[in-house]
Amino acid sequence: MISFIIYVILSSMGIILFKLGASDASISLTKGIFNFHMSYISMIGLLCYLLSFILWMYIIANKNVSYIVPLGLGLTNVMILVGSYFILGESISLMNIVGAGVILVGVMIISM
């Protein structure tokens, strides 16, 4: 269970940090030379997301996929919604809250 919680945190933070640093990213092709620049925040986000992927592979190899995938994706989506509000300052609509509530109810039903 601890690996699952770490997965949800790493996956959510990876996406939020990647978004936070995305404004500094640039891609260019000059005289046949490909140039890519990524901020340190985005690199940390990418690392978090990569670690979450590796952990996810371990989790789905050892758990019932029909149980763990809806649980993992649902909780990750809710955590991204919460994190985007508090960290990125994004607004949350009533429909976002209702949707998160429906997801959490579904997670509780699956967990029974």
C-alpha atoms as a PDB file:
ATOM      1  CA  MET A   1       0.000   0.000   0.000  1.00  0.00           C
ATOM      2  CA  ILE A   2       2.869   2.382   0.741  1.00  0.00           C
ATOM      3  CA  SER A   3       4.194   1.909  -2.792  1.00  0.00           C
ATOM      4  CA  PHE A   4       0.760   2.872  -4.131  1.00  0.00           C
ATOM      5  CA  ILE A   5       0.662   6.081  -2.065  1.00  0.00           C
ATOM      6  CA  ILE A   6       4.177   6.981  -3.214  1.00  0.00           C
ATOM      7  CA  TYR A   7       3.100   6.323  -6.812  1.00  0.00           C
ATOM      8  CA  VAL A   8       0.120   8.698  -6.544  1.00  0.00           C
ATOM      9  CA  ILE A   9       2.282  11.430  -4.981  1.00  0.00           C
ATOM     10  CA  LEU A  10       5.140  11.059  -7.492  1.00  0.00           C
ATOM     11  CA  SER A  11       2.830  10.925 -10.494  1.00  0.00           C
ATOM     12  CA  SER A  12       0.812  13.953  -9.382  1.00  0.00           C
ATOM     13  CA  MET A  13       3.857  16.006  -8.437  1.00  0.00           C
ATOM     14  CA  GLY A  14       5.605  15.035 -11.655  1.00  0.00           C
ATOM     15  CA  ILE A  15       2.813  16.468 -13.761  1.00  0.00           C
ATOM     16  CA  ILE A  16       2.404  19.583 -11.602  1.00  0.00           C
ATOM     17  CA  LEU A  17       6.144  20.341 -11.545  1.00  0.00           C
ATOM     18  CA  PHE A  18       6.426  19.709 -15.260  1.00  0.00           C
ATOM     19  CA  LYS A  19       3.604  22.207 -15.857  1.00  0.00           C
ATOM     20  CA  LEU A  20       5.174  24.681 -13.418  1.00  0.00           C
ATOM     21  CA  GLY A  21       8.441  24.706 -15.343  1.00  0.00           C
ATOM     22  CA  ALA A  22       6.959  24.333 -18.825  1.00  0.00           C
ATOM     23  CA  SER A  23       6.880  28.071 -19.492  1.00  0.00           C
ATOM     24  CA  ASP A  24      10.694  28.058 -19.558  1.00  0.00           C
ATOM     25  CA  ALA A  25      10.956  25.188 -22.049  1.00  0.00           C
ATOM     26  CA  SER A  26      12.053  25.805 -25.609  1.00  0.00           C
ATOM     27  CA  ILE A  27      12.639  23.695 -28.694  1.00  0.00           C
ATOM     28  CA  SER A  28      14.382  24.914 -31.830  1.00  0.00           C
ATOM     29  CA  LEU A  29      15.984  23.618 -34.990  1.00  0.00           C
ATOM     30  CA  THR A  30      18.692  25.891 -36.365  1.00  0.00           C
ATOM     31  CA  LYS A  31      20.909  24.898 -39.285  1.00  0.00           C
ATOM     32  CA  GLY A  32      20.052  21.244 -38.742  1.00  0.00           C
ATOM     33  CA  ILE A  33      20.907  21.368 -35.031  1.00  0.00           C
ATOM     34  CA  PHE A  34      18.170  20.400 -32.614  1.00  0.00           C
ATOM     35  CA  ASN A  35      18.177  22.479 -29.427  1.00  0.00           C
ATOM     36  CA  PHE A  36      16.023  21.654 -26.414  1.00  0.00           C
ATOM     37  CA  HIS A  37      15.975  23.577 -23.139  1.00  0.00           C
ATOM     38  CA  MET A  38      14.090  22.490 -20.042  1.00  0.00           C
ATOM     39  CA  SER A  39      13.991  24.216 -16.645  1.00  0.00           C
ATOM     40  CA  TYR A  40      15.229  22.491 -13.509  1.00  0.00           C
ATOM     41  CA  ILE A  41      11.681  22.391 -12.165  1.00  0.00           C
ATOM     42  CA  SER A  42      10.541  20.535 -15.270  1.00  0.00           C
ATOM     43  CA  MET A  43      13.493  18.155 -14.950  1.00  0.00           C
ATOM     44  CA  ILE A  44      12.511  17.355 -11.360  1.00  0.00           C
ATOM     45  CA  GLY A  45       8.931  16.841 -12.542  1.00  0.00           C
ATOM     46  CA  LEU A  46      10.125  14.524 -15.293  1.00  0.00           C
ATOM     47  CA  LEU A  47      12.207  12.571 -12.769  1.00  0.00           C
ATOM     48  CA  CYS A  48       9.198  12.246 -10.432  1.00  0.00           C
ATOM     49  CA  TYR A  49       7.057  11.053 -13.316  1.00  0.00           C
ATOM     50  CA  LEU A  50       9.705   8.559 -14.460  1.00  0.00           C
ATOM     51  CA  LEU A  51      10.030   7.172 -10.925  1.00  0.00           C
ATOM     52  CA  SER A  52       6.244   6.922 -10.671  1.00  0.00           C
ATOM     53  CA  PHE A  53       6.183   4.971 -13.944  1.00  0.00           C
ATOM     54  CA  ILE A  54       8.772   2.496 -12.655  1.00  0.00           C
ATOM     55  CA  LEU A  55       6.811   2.122  -9.420  1.00  0.00           C
ATOM     56  CA  TRP A  56       3.588   1.717 -11.415  1.00  0.00           C
ATOM     57  CA  MET A  57       5.120  -1.173 -13.351  1.00  0.00           C
ATOM     58  CA  TYR A  58       5.963  -2.862 -10.041  1.00  0.00           C
ATOM     59  CA  ILE A  59       2.468  -2.245  -8.649  1.00  0.00           C
ATOM     60  CA  ILE A  60       0.525  -3.573 -11.637  1.00  0.00           C
ATOM     61  CA  ALA A  61       2.812  -6.605 -11.828  1.00  0.00           C
ATOM     62  CA  ASN A  62       1.855  -7.539  -8.266  1.00  0.00           C
ATOM     63  CA  LYS A  63      -1.772  -6.422  -7.930  1.00  0.00           C
ATOM     64  CA  ASN A  64      -5.083  -7.137  -9.614  1.00  0.00           C
ATOM     65  CA  VAL A  65      -5.140  -4.748 -12.597  1.00  0.00           C
ATOM     66  CA  SER A  66      -8.947  -4.420 -12.601  1.00  0.00           C
ATOM     67  CA  TYR A  67      -8.678  -3.104  -9.028  1.00  0.00           C
ATOM     68  CA  ILE A  68      -5.472  -1.083  -8.993  1.00  0.00           C
ATOM     69  CA  VAL A  69      -5.703   0.797 -12.314  1.00  0.00           C
ATOM     70  CA  PRO A  70      -9.038   2.569 -11.646  1.00  0.00           C
ATOM     71  CA  LEU A  71      -7.907   3.281  -8.095  1.00  0.00           C
ATOM     72  CA  GLY A  72      -4.534   4.677  -9.171  1.00  0.00           C
ATOM     73  CA  LEU A  73      -5.776   6.769 -12.067  1.00  0.00           C
ATOM     74  CA  GLY A  74      -8.735   8.110 -10.114  1.00  0.00           C
ATOM     75  CA  LEU A  75      -6.706   9.193  -7.094  1.00  0.00           C
ATOM     76  CA  THR A  76      -3.962  10.640  -9.286  1.00  0.00           C
ATOM     77  CA  ASN A  77      -6.514  12.753 -11.170  1.00  0.00           C
ATOM     78  CA  VAL A  78      -7.964  14.085  -7.911  1.00  0.00           C
ATOM     79  CA  MET A  79      -4.482  14.863  -6.551  1.00  0.00           C
ATOM     80  CA  ILE A  80      -3.587  16.719  -9.752  1.00  0.00           C
ATOM     81  CA  LEU A  81      -6.774  18.773  -9.416  1.00  0.00           C
ATOM     82  CA  VAL A  82      -5.952  19.668  -5.799  1.00  0.00           C
ATOM     83  CA  GLY A  83      -2.281  20.337  -6.563  1.00  0.00           C
ATOM     84  CA  SER A  84      -3.069  22.500  -9.575  1.00  0.00           C
ATOM     85  CA  TYR A  85      -5.297  24.628  -7.351  1.00  0.00           C
ATOM     86  CA  PHE A  86      -2.833  25.056  -4.470  1.00  0.00           C
ATOM     87  CA  ILE A  87       0.500  25.021  -6.326  1.00  0.00           C
ATOM     88  CA  LEU A  88      -0.318  26.397  -9.779  1.00  0.00           C
ATOM     89  CA  GLY A  89      -3.121  28.709  -8.676  1.00  0.00           C
ATOM     90  CA  GLU A  90      -5.531  27.286 -11.242  1.00  0.00           C
ATOM     91  CA  SER A  91      -9.233  27.770 -10.674  1.00  0.00           C
ATOM     92  CA  ILE A  92     -11.537  24.873  -9.877  1.00  0.00           C
ATOM     93  CA  SER A  93     -15.113  24.901 -11.117  1.00  0.00           C
ATOM     94  CA  LEU A  94     -18.119  23.344  -9.469  1.00  0.00           C
ATOM     95  CA  MET A  95     -18.045  20.628 -12.136  1.00  0.00           C
ATOM     96  CA  ASN A  96     -14.410  19.855 -11.212  1.00  0.00           C
ATOM     97  CA  ILE A  97     -15.458  19.411  -7.590  1.00  0.00           C
ATOM     98  CA  VAL A  98     -18.445  17.254  -8.550  1.00  0.00           C
ATOM     99  CA  GLY A  99     -16.242  15.154 -10.830  1.00  0.00           C
ATOM    100  CA  ALA A 100     -13.628  14.684  -8.100  1.00  0.00           C
ATOM    101  CA  GLY A 101     -16.399  13.687  -5.711  1.00  0.00           C
ATOM    102  CA  VAL A 102     -17.728  11.104  -8.160  1.00  0.00           C
ATOM    103  CA  ILE A 103     -14.202   9.733  -8.614  1.00  0.00           C
ATOM    104  CA  LEU A 104     -13.700   9.484  -4.846  1.00  0.00           C
ATOM    105  CA  VAL A 105     -17.038   7.699  -4.426  1.00  0.00           C
ATOM    106  CA  GLY A 106     -15.972   5.277  -7.152  1.00  0.00           C
ATOM    107  CA  VAL A 107     -12.635   4.729  -5.408  1.00  0.00           C
ATOM    108  CA  MET A 108     -14.446   3.975  -2.144  1.00  0.00           C
ATOM    109  CA  ILE A 109     -16.773   1.513  -3.889  1.00  0.00           C
ATOM    110  CA  ILE A 110     -13.856  -0.264  -5.577  1.00  0.00           C
ATOM    111  CA  SER A 111     -12.004  -0.428  -2.247  1.00  0.00           C
ATOM    112  CA  MET A 112     -14.842  -2.285  -0.494  1.00  0.00           C
END
